[in-house]
């Protein structure tokens, strides 16, 4: 695959830039799933595996503290901004 990308250096740079952005986004999401969400919610993503609607719920441990929790708000806003088109 590297040989294919090296044929066009500009395409190689564009692909590397895109992949770096994707890797950073994935790392931030994984960090949030492992460190931010578990300490603030009773259950993770509680949804039935048998249907495809993904109509699940997340039950907060302390809803009022989430309103001022800077780490949680930063994570939430970052994810919202990344998913906007």
N, C-alpha and C. Protein backbone atom coordinates (compact mmCIF):
# COMPACT_ATOMS: atom_id res chain seq x y z
N UNK A 1 0.82 -1.19 0.00
CA UNK A 1 0.00 0.00 0.00
C UNK A 1 0.86 1.25 0.00
N UNK A 2 1.99 1.21 0.69
CA UNK A 2 2.87 2.38 0.73
C UNK A 2 3.38 2.72 -0.66
N UNK A 3 3.64 1.71 -1.49
CA UNK A 3 4.10 1.96 -2.84
C UNK A 3 3.07 2.69 -3.67
N UNK A 4 1.82 2.39 -3.44
CA UNK A 4 0.74 3.06 -4.16
C UNK A 4 0.67 4.52 -3.77
N UNK A 5 0.78 4.80 -2.47
CA UNK A 5 0.68 6.18 -2.01
C UNK A 5 1.87 7.02 -2.43
N UNK A 6 3.05 6.42 -2.56
CA UNK A 6 4.24 7.18 -2.90
C UNK A 6 4.28 7.60 -4.37
N UNK A 7 3.40 7.09 -5.18
CA UNK A 7 3.36 7.50 -6.58
C UNK A 7 2.91 8.95 -6.71
N UNK A 8 2.10 9.41 -5.79
CA UNK A 8 1.61 10.78 -5.83
C UNK A 8 1.85 11.41 -4.45
N UNK A 9 2.94 12.16 -4.29
CA UNK A 9 3.26 12.71 -2.97
C UNK A 9 2.17 13.61 -2.39
N UNK A 10 1.47 14.35 -3.23
CA UNK A 10 0.39 15.21 -2.71
C UNK A 10 -0.75 14.38 -2.15
N UNK A 11 -1.10 13.31 -2.83
CA UNK A 11 -2.16 12.43 -2.33
C UNK A 11 -1.71 11.77 -1.04
N UNK A 12 -0.43 11.42 -0.97
CA UNK A 12 0.12 10.80 0.24
C UNK A 12 -0.03 11.76 1.42
N UNK A 13 0.30 13.03 1.23
CA UNK A 13 0.17 14.01 2.31
C UNK A 13 -1.28 14.19 2.72
N UNK A 14 -2.17 14.23 1.76
CA UNK A 14 -3.59 14.41 2.07
C UNK A 14 -4.13 13.22 2.85
N UNK A 15 -3.74 12.02 2.45
CA UNK A 15 -4.20 10.81 3.14
C UNK A 15 -3.64 10.78 4.56
N UNK A 16 -2.37 11.11 4.71
CA UNK A 16 -1.75 11.11 6.05
C UNK A 16 -2.42 12.15 6.95
N UNK A 17 -2.72 13.33 6.41
CA UNK A 17 -3.39 14.37 7.19
C UNK A 17 -4.77 13.90 7.62
N UNK A 18 -5.51 13.28 6.70
CA UNK A 18 -6.84 12.76 7.02
C UNK A 18 -6.76 11.66 8.07
N UNK A 19 -5.83 10.72 7.92
CA UNK A 19 -5.69 9.62 8.87
C UNK A 19 -5.27 10.12 10.24
N UNK A 20 -4.44 11.14 10.29
CA UNK A 20 -4.02 11.70 11.58
C UNK A 20 -5.23 12.31 12.29
N UNK A 21 -6.07 13.02 11.57
CA UNK A 21 -7.28 13.60 12.15
C UNK A 21 -8.23 12.52 12.66
N UNK A 22 -8.37 11.46 11.88
CA UNK A 22 -9.24 10.35 12.29
C UNK A 22 -8.70 9.67 13.54
N UNK A 23 -7.40 9.50 13.61
CA UNK A 23 -6.78 8.85 14.78
C UNK A 23 -6.96 9.70 16.03
N UNK A 24 -6.83 11.02 15.90
CA UNK A 24 -7.03 11.92 17.04
C UNK A 24 -8.48 11.88 17.51
N UNK A 25 -9.41 11.88 16.58
CA UNK A 25 -10.82 11.83 16.93
C UNK A 25 -11.16 10.52 17.65
N UNK A 26 -10.64 9.42 17.15
CA UNK A 26 -10.88 8.13 17.78
C UNK A 26 -10.28 8.08 19.18
N UNK A 27 -9.07 8.62 19.35
CA UNK A 27 -8.42 8.63 20.67
C UNK A 27 -9.22 9.45 21.67
N UNK A 28 -9.75 10.61 21.25
CA UNK A 28 -10.57 11.43 22.14
C UNK A 28 -11.86 10.72 22.52
N UNK A 29 -12.48 10.06 21.58
CA UNK A 29 -13.71 9.34 21.86
C UNK A 29 -13.46 8.18 22.81
N UNK A 30 -12.39 7.44 22.58
CA UNK A 30 -12.06 6.32 23.47
C UNK A 30 -11.72 6.81 24.87
N UNK A 31 -11.02 7.93 24.98
CA UNK A 31 -10.69 8.49 26.29
C UNK A 31 -11.98 8.84 27.04
N UNK A 32 -12.90 9.47 26.36
CA UNK A 32 -14.16 9.84 26.98
C UNK A 32 -14.97 8.63 27.42
N UNK A 33 -14.99 7.61 26.58
CA UNK A 33 -15.74 6.40 26.92
C UNK A 33 -15.13 5.67 28.11
N UNK A 34 -13.82 5.76 28.27
CA UNK A 34 -13.14 5.04 29.36
C UNK A 34 -13.04 5.86 30.64
N UNK A 35 -12.87 7.19 30.52
CA UNK A 35 -12.56 7.99 31.70
C UNK A 35 -13.63 9.02 32.08
N UNK A 36 -14.34 9.55 31.13
CA UNK A 36 -15.31 10.61 31.42
C UNK A 36 -16.68 10.02 31.76
N UNK A 37 -17.22 9.18 30.91
CA UNK A 37 -18.59 8.69 31.09
C UNK A 37 -18.78 7.70 32.25
N UNK A 38 -17.90 6.73 32.48
CA UNK A 38 -18.18 5.73 33.52
C UNK A 38 -18.35 6.31 34.92
N UNK A 39 -17.64 7.35 35.28
CA UNK A 39 -17.76 7.92 36.62
C UNK A 39 -18.95 8.83 36.81
N UNK A 40 -19.69 9.07 35.74
CA UNK A 40 -20.79 10.02 35.81
C UNK A 40 -22.16 9.41 35.52
N UNK A 41 -22.17 8.14 35.10
CA UNK A 41 -23.42 7.48 34.75
C UNK A 41 -23.52 6.11 35.40
N UNK A 42 -24.75 5.73 35.76
CA UNK A 42 -25.00 4.41 36.36
C UNK A 42 -24.66 3.29 35.40
N UNK A 43 -25.20 3.39 34.22
CA UNK A 43 -25.03 2.35 33.22
C UNK A 43 -24.46 2.99 31.97
N UNK A 44 -23.84 2.16 31.17
CA UNK A 44 -23.35 2.65 29.89
C UNK A 44 -24.51 2.83 28.94
N UNK A 45 -24.33 2.37 27.76
CA UNK A 45 -25.38 2.47 26.76
C UNK A 45 -26.29 1.26 26.91
N UNK A 46 -27.40 1.46 27.56
CA UNK A 46 -28.33 0.37 27.84
C UNK A 46 -29.39 0.32 26.75
N UNK A 47 -29.19 -0.51 25.76
CA UNK A 47 -30.17 -0.64 24.69
C UNK A 47 -30.29 -2.11 24.32
N UNK A 48 -31.45 -2.50 23.83
CA UNK A 48 -31.64 -3.90 23.45
C UNK A 48 -30.80 -4.25 22.21
N UNK A 49 -30.14 -5.37 22.27
CA UNK A 49 -29.30 -5.79 21.14
C UNK A 49 -30.11 -6.37 20.00
N UNK A 50 -31.37 -6.68 20.25
CA UNK A 50 -32.17 -7.36 19.24
C UNK A 50 -32.79 -6.42 18.22
N UNK A 51 -32.84 -5.11 18.52
CA UNK A 51 -33.43 -4.22 17.51
C UNK A 51 -32.39 -3.17 17.10
N UNK A 52 -32.58 -2.60 15.93
CA UNK A 52 -31.60 -1.69 15.34
C UNK A 52 -31.89 -0.22 15.61
N UNK A 53 -32.82 0.09 16.50
CA UNK A 53 -33.19 1.49 16.70
C UNK A 53 -32.21 2.23 17.60
N UNK A 54 -31.41 1.52 18.39
CA UNK A 54 -30.48 2.12 19.34
C UNK A 54 -31.18 3.12 20.26
N UNK A 55 -32.37 2.77 20.68
CA UNK A 55 -33.14 3.64 21.57
C UNK A 55 -32.77 3.33 23.02
N UNK A 56 -31.55 3.65 23.40
CA UNK A 56 -31.06 3.34 24.73
C UNK A 56 -31.15 4.53 25.66
N UNK A 57 -30.57 4.36 26.82
CA UNK A 57 -30.58 5.44 27.80
C UNK A 57 -29.29 5.41 28.61
N UNK A 58 -28.93 6.56 29.13
CA UNK A 58 -27.79 6.68 30.04
C UNK A 58 -28.32 7.37 31.28
N UNK A 59 -28.18 6.73 32.44
CA UNK A 59 -28.73 7.25 33.68
C UNK A 59 -27.61 7.93 34.48
N UNK A 60 -27.68 9.27 34.66
CA UNK A 60 -26.62 9.96 35.38
C UNK A 60 -26.66 9.68 36.87
N UNK A 61 -25.49 9.66 37.50
CA UNK A 61 -25.42 9.49 38.95
C UNK A 61 -25.88 10.76 39.66
N UNK A 62 -25.47 11.92 39.16
CA UNK A 62 -25.87 13.20 39.75
C UNK A 62 -26.09 14.20 38.61
N UNK A 63 -27.34 14.37 38.23
CA UNK A 63 -27.67 15.20 37.08
C UNK A 63 -27.24 16.65 37.28
N UNK A 64 -27.44 17.18 38.48
CA UNK A 64 -27.11 18.59 38.75
C UNK A 64 -25.62 18.86 38.61
N UNK A 65 -24.78 17.93 39.04
CA UNK A 65 -23.33 18.15 38.94
C UNK A 65 -22.85 18.10 37.49
N UNK A 66 -23.57 17.39 36.63
CA UNK A 66 -23.18 17.33 35.21
C UNK A 66 -23.29 18.70 34.54
N UNK A 67 -24.18 19.53 35.04
CA UNK A 67 -24.37 20.86 34.44
C UNK A 67 -23.14 21.75 34.60
N UNK A 68 -22.33 21.49 35.62
CA UNK A 68 -21.14 22.32 35.87
C UNK A 68 -19.83 21.54 35.77
N UNK A 69 -19.88 20.28 35.44
CA UNK A 69 -18.68 19.44 35.33
C UNK A 69 -17.92 19.82 34.06
N UNK A 70 -16.78 20.50 34.24
CA UNK A 70 -16.04 21.03 33.09
C UNK A 70 -15.50 19.94 32.16
N UNK A 71 -15.01 18.85 32.73
CA UNK A 71 -14.47 17.78 31.88
C UNK A 71 -15.58 17.15 31.04
N UNK A 72 -16.73 16.91 31.65
CA UNK A 72 -17.85 16.31 30.92
C UNK A 72 -18.36 17.27 29.85
N UNK A 73 -18.53 18.54 30.20
CA UNK A 73 -19.04 19.51 29.22
C UNK A 73 -18.07 19.68 28.05
N UNK A 74 -16.77 19.68 28.32
CA UNK A 74 -15.79 19.79 27.25
C UNK A 74 -15.88 18.59 26.31
N UNK A 75 -15.97 17.39 26.90
CA UNK A 75 -16.09 16.17 26.09
C UNK A 75 -17.36 16.21 25.25
N UNK A 76 -18.46 16.59 25.86
CA UNK A 76 -19.74 16.62 25.15
C UNK A 76 -19.73 17.64 24.01
N UNK A 77 -19.22 18.83 24.27
CA UNK A 77 -19.17 19.87 23.23
C UNK A 77 -18.21 19.48 22.10
N UNK A 78 -17.10 18.85 22.45
CA UNK A 78 -16.15 18.40 21.42
C UNK A 78 -16.80 17.38 20.50
N UNK A 79 -17.51 16.43 21.08
CA UNK A 79 -18.18 15.41 20.26
C UNK A 79 -19.28 16.03 19.41
N UNK A 80 -20.01 16.97 19.97
CA UNK A 80 -21.08 17.63 19.21
C UNK A 80 -20.49 18.40 18.03
N UNK A 81 -19.40 19.12 18.25
CA UNK A 81 -18.78 19.89 17.18
C UNK A 81 -18.19 19.00 16.09
N UNK A 82 -17.66 17.84 16.47
CA UNK A 82 -17.08 16.93 15.48
C UNK A 82 -18.14 16.28 14.60
N UNK A 83 -19.34 16.11 15.13
CA UNK A 83 -20.38 15.42 14.36
C UNK A 83 -21.24 16.37 13.55
N UNK A 84 -21.05 17.65 13.71
CA UNK A 84 -21.81 18.61 12.88
C UNK A 84 -21.26 18.57 11.46
N UNK A 85 -22.16 18.73 10.52
CA UNK A 85 -21.70 18.72 9.13
C UNK A 85 -21.70 20.10 8.53
